[in-house]
C-alpha atoms as a PDB file:
ATOM      1  CA  ARG A   1     150.079  72.008 106.244  1.00  0.00           C
ATOM      2  CA  SER A   2     151.010  75.706 106.076  1.00  0.00           C
ATOM      3  CA  GLY A   3     148.756  78.594 107.045  1.00  0.00           C
ATOM      4  CA  TYR A   4     147.902  81.351 109.490  1.00  0.00           C
ATOM      5  CA  ILE A   5     145.973  81.469 112.753  1.00  0.00           C
ATOM      6  CA  THR A   6     145.075  84.711 114.501  1.00  0.00           C
ATOM      7  CA  ILE A   7     144.414  84.795 118.250  1.00  0.00           C
ATOM      8  CA  GLY A   8     142.504  87.787 119.644  1.00  0.00           C
ATOM      9  CA  TYR A   9     141.200  88.951 123.000  1.00  0.00           C
ATOM     10  CA  ARG A  10     139.633  91.958 124.706  1.00  0.00           C
ATOM     11  CA  GLY A  11     140.936  93.169 128.018  1.00  0.00           C
ATOM     12  CA  SER A  12     140.162  95.941 130.476  1.00  0.00           C
ATOM     13  CA  TYR A  13     141.636  97.468 133.580  1.00  0.00           C
ATOM     14  CA  THR A  14     141.108 100.443 135.854  1.00  0.00           C
ATOM     15  CA  ILE A  15     143.834 102.885 136.827  1.00  0.00           C
ATOM     16  CA  GLY A  16     143.300 105.429 139.570  1.00  0.00           C
ATOM     17  CA  ARG A  17     145.203 108.600 140.398  1.00  0.00           C
ATOM     18  CA  GLU A  18     148.285 106.715 141.631  1.00  0.00           C
ATOM     19  CA  ALA A  19     148.541 104.839 138.292  1.00  0.00           C
ATOM     20  CA  GLN A  20     150.701 101.757 138.824  1.00  0.00           C
ATOM     21  CA  ALA A  21     150.026 101.414 142.556  1.00  0.00           C
ATOM     22  CA  ASP A  22     146.368 100.483 142.232  1.00  0.00           C
ATOM     23  CA  ALA A  23     145.794  99.106 138.735  1.00  0.00           C
ATOM     24  CA  LYS A  24     142.988  96.534 138.749  1.00  0.00           C
ATOM     25  CA  PHE A  25     143.121  94.048 135.874  1.00  0.00           C
ATOM     26  CA  ARG A  26     140.246  91.849 134.746  1.00  0.00           C
ATOM     27  CA  ARG A  27     140.859  88.374 133.417  1.00  0.00           C
ATOM     28  CA  VAL A  28     140.660  87.613 129.715  1.00  0.00           C
ATOM     29  CA  ALA A  29     137.007  86.772 129.068  1.00  0.00           C
ATOM     30  CA  ARG A  30     137.354  84.995 125.728  1.00  0.00           C
ATOM     31  CA  ILE A  31     140.142  84.138 123.300  1.00  0.00           C
ATOM     32  CA  THR A  32     138.950  84.227 119.693  1.00  0.00           C
ATOM     33  CA  VAL A  33     140.432  82.180 116.856  1.00  0.00           C
ATOM     34  CA  CYS A  34     140.523  83.163 113.194  1.00  0.00           C
ATOM     35  CA  GLY A  35     141.869  80.928 110.421  1.00  0.00           C
ATOM     36  CA  LYS A  36     141.142  77.870 108.330  1.00  0.00           C
ATOM     37  CA  THR A  37     138.843  75.494 110.153  1.00  0.00           C
ATOM     38  CA  ALA A  38     141.111  72.465 109.589  1.00  0.00           C
ATOM     39  CA  LEU A  39     144.175  74.237 111.048  1.00  0.00           C
ATOM     40  CA  ALA A  40     142.261  75.538 114.070  1.00  0.00           C
ATOM     41  CA  LYS A  41     140.923  72.042 114.814  1.00  0.00           C
ATOM     42  CA  GLU A  42     144.387  70.505 114.383  1.00  0.00           C
ATOM     43  CA  VAL A  43     145.981  72.906 116.865  1.00  0.00           C
ATOM     44  CA  PHE A  44     143.243  73.289 119.469  1.00  0.00           C
ATOM     45  CA  GLY A  45     141.270  70.047 119.155  1.00  0.00           C
ATOM     46  CA  GLU A  46     138.520  69.666 121.753  1.00  0.00           C
ATOM     47  CA  THR A  47     139.336  73.032 123.341  1.00  0.00           C
ATOM     48  CA  LEU A  48     138.051  74.844 120.238  1.00  0.00           C
ATOM     49  CA  ASN A  49     134.468  76.045 120.686  1.00  0.00           C
ATOM     50  CA  GLU A  50     132.757  75.873 117.294  1.00  0.00           C
ATOM     51  CA  SER A  51     129.247  76.728 118.478  1.00  0.00           C
ATOM     52  CA  ARG A  52     129.149  80.063 116.617  1.00  0.00           C
ATOM     53  CA  ASP A  53     130.069  78.477 113.237  1.00  0.00           C
ATOM     54  CA  PRO A  54     129.387  74.728 113.624  1.00  0.00           C
ATOM     55  CA  ASP A  55     129.215  73.542 110.000  1.00  0.00           C
ATOM     56  CA  ARG A  56     132.188  75.381 108.537  1.00  0.00           C
ATOM     57  CA  PRO A  57     134.006  73.319 105.831  1.00  0.00           C
ATOM     58  CA  PRO A  58     137.646  72.452 106.710  1.00  0.00           C
ATOM     59  CA  GLU A  59     139.181  74.457 103.851  1.00  0.00           C
ATOM     60  CA  ARG A  60     137.233  77.667 104.645  1.00  0.00           C
ATOM     61  CA  TYR A  61     138.253  80.515 106.931  1.00  0.00           C
ATOM     62  CA  THR A  62     136.296  81.623 109.976  1.00  0.00           C
ATOM     63  CA  ALA A  63     136.639  84.324 112.620  1.00  0.00           C
ATOM     64  CA  ARG A  64     133.839  82.972 114.795  1.00  0.00           C
ATOM     65  CA  TYR A  65     135.618  80.322 116.887  1.00  0.00           C
ATOM     66  CA  TYR A  66     136.850  80.804 120.416  1.00  0.00           C
ATOM     67  CA  LEU A  67     138.725  78.723 122.961  1.00  0.00           C
ATOM     68  CA  LYS A  68     137.238  76.950 125.977  1.00  0.00           C
ATOM     69  CA  PHE A  69     140.107  78.178 128.175  1.00  0.00           C
ATOM     70  CA  ASN A  70     141.187  81.741 129.064  1.00  0.00           C
ATOM     71  CA  PHE A  71     144.978  81.519 129.270  1.00  0.00           C
ATOM     72  CA  LEU A  72     146.933  83.085 126.403  1.00  0.00           C
ATOM     73  CA  GLU A  73     150.043  81.131 127.382  1.00  0.00           C
ATOM     74  CA  GLN A  74     148.170  77.874 126.849  1.00  0.00           C
ATOM     75  CA  ALA A  75     147.111  78.983 123.354  1.00  0.00           C
ATOM     76  CA  PHE A  76     150.674  80.071 122.522  1.00  0.00           C
ATOM     77  CA  ASP A  77     152.074  76.731 123.761  1.00  0.00           C
ATOM     78  CA  ARG A  78     149.674  74.769 121.567  1.00  0.00           C
ATOM     79  CA  LEU A  79     150.557  76.866 118.530  1.00  0.00           C
ATOM     80  CA  SER A  80     154.278  76.455 119.176  1.00  0.00           C
ATOM     81  CA  GLU A  81     153.945  72.683 119.615  1.00  0.00           C
ATOM     82  CA  ALA A  82     152.121  72.538 116.258  1.00  0.00           C
ATOM     83  CA  GLY A  83     155.021  74.319 114.510  1.00  0.00           C
ATOM     84  CA  PHE A  84     153.581  77.842 114.378  1.00  0.00           C
ATOM     85  CA  ARG A  85     155.611  80.973 115.056  1.00  0.00           C
ATOM     86  CA  MET A  86     154.408  84.470 115.855  1.00  0.00           C
ATOM     87  CA  ALA A  87     154.549  86.663 112.746  1.00  0.00           C
ATOM     88  CA  ALA A  88     152.877  89.863 113.992  1.00  0.00           C
ATOM     89  CA  CYS A  89     150.820  91.406 116.757  1.00  0.00           C
ATOM     90  CA  SER A  90     148.640  94.474 117.092  1.00  0.00           C
ATOM     91  CA  SER A  91     146.841  96.168 119.940  1.00  0.00           C
ATOM     92  CA  THR A  92     144.500  99.103 120.319  1.00  0.00           C
ATOM     93  CA  GLY A  93     143.037 100.746 123.394  1.00  0.00           C
ATOM     94  CA  THR A  94     140.524 103.327 124.542  1.00  0.00           C
ATOM     95  CA  CYS A  95     140.013 105.133 127.804  1.00  0.00           C
ATOM     96  CA  ALA A  96     136.947 106.430 129.629  1.00  0.00           C
ATOM     97  CA  PHE A  97     136.396 108.035 133.018  1.00  0.00           C
ATOM     98  CA  ALA A  98     134.350 105.887 135.410  1.00  0.00           C
ATOM     99  CA  PRO A  99     132.654 108.032 138.075  1.00  0.00           C
ATOM    100  CA  GLU A 100     129.216 106.661 137.171  1.00  0.00           C
ATOM    101  CA  GLN A 101     130.321 103.152 138.118  1.00  0.00           C
ATOM    102  CA  GLY A 102     130.782 103.912 141.781  1.00  0.00           C
ATOM    103  CA  GLY A 103     134.515 104.590 141.635  1.00  0.00           C
ATOM    104  CA  PRO A 104     136.375 107.805 142.427  1.00  0.00           C
ATOM    105  CA  ALA A 105     135.995 110.553 139.823  1.00  0.00           C
ATOM    106  CA  ASP A 106     139.675 110.195 138.839  1.00  0.00           C
ATOM    107  CA  ASP A 107     139.432 106.500 137.903  1.00  0.00           C
ATOM    108  CA  LYS A 108     139.800 105.631 134.258  1.00  0.00           C
ATOM    109  CA  ILE A 109     138.713 102.386 132.602  1.00  0.00           C
ATOM    110  CA  TRP A 110     140.965 101.244 129.773  1.00  0.00           C
ATOM    111  CA  THR A 111     139.803  98.667 127.261  1.00  0.00           C
ATOM    112  CA  SER A 112     141.992  97.037 124.667  1.00  0.00           C
ATOM    113  CA  TYR A 113     141.810  94.583 121.820  1.00  0.00           C
ATOM    114  CA  THR A 114     144.920  92.582 120.958  1.00  0.00           C
ATOM    115  CA  GLU A 115     145.616  90.182 118.094  1.00  0.00           C
ATOM    116  CA  TYR A 116     148.534  87.828 117.558  1.00  0.00           C
ATOM    117  CA  VAL A 117     149.152  86.384 114.089  1.00  0.00           C
ATOM    118  CA  PHE A 118     150.875  82.989 113.925  1.00  0.00           C
ATOM    119  CA  CYS A 119     152.123  81.258 110.775  1.00  0.00           C
ATOM    120  CA  ARG A 120     153.455  77.867 109.779  1.00  0.00           C
ATOM    121  CA  ASP A 121     155.395  77.348 106.561  1.00  0.00           C
END
């Protein structure tokens, strides 16, 4: 069966004055899944958390699923094994200073949102 699945995640990290020397990365909190319900279930099986959209018909699209694991590589491996290939990706980021959070006045907190679009012909 052909179709598209989009994988998304939010990330954040702090960079101080020395930039690369002291970057502190946070783990990926949640990997979201967007696509037809039947394709998402085929690829991710029991690792697909459907609690936010539990009664979605198989032929309908949803953007409310997420994975029960937090490793992008694991999601990419499952997609590859199911015959999907990456078709596109997109990322956006914002920056804010973080002195109110107990860090030095020069620290900046960066947040990003990244999506990867996979397709199968």
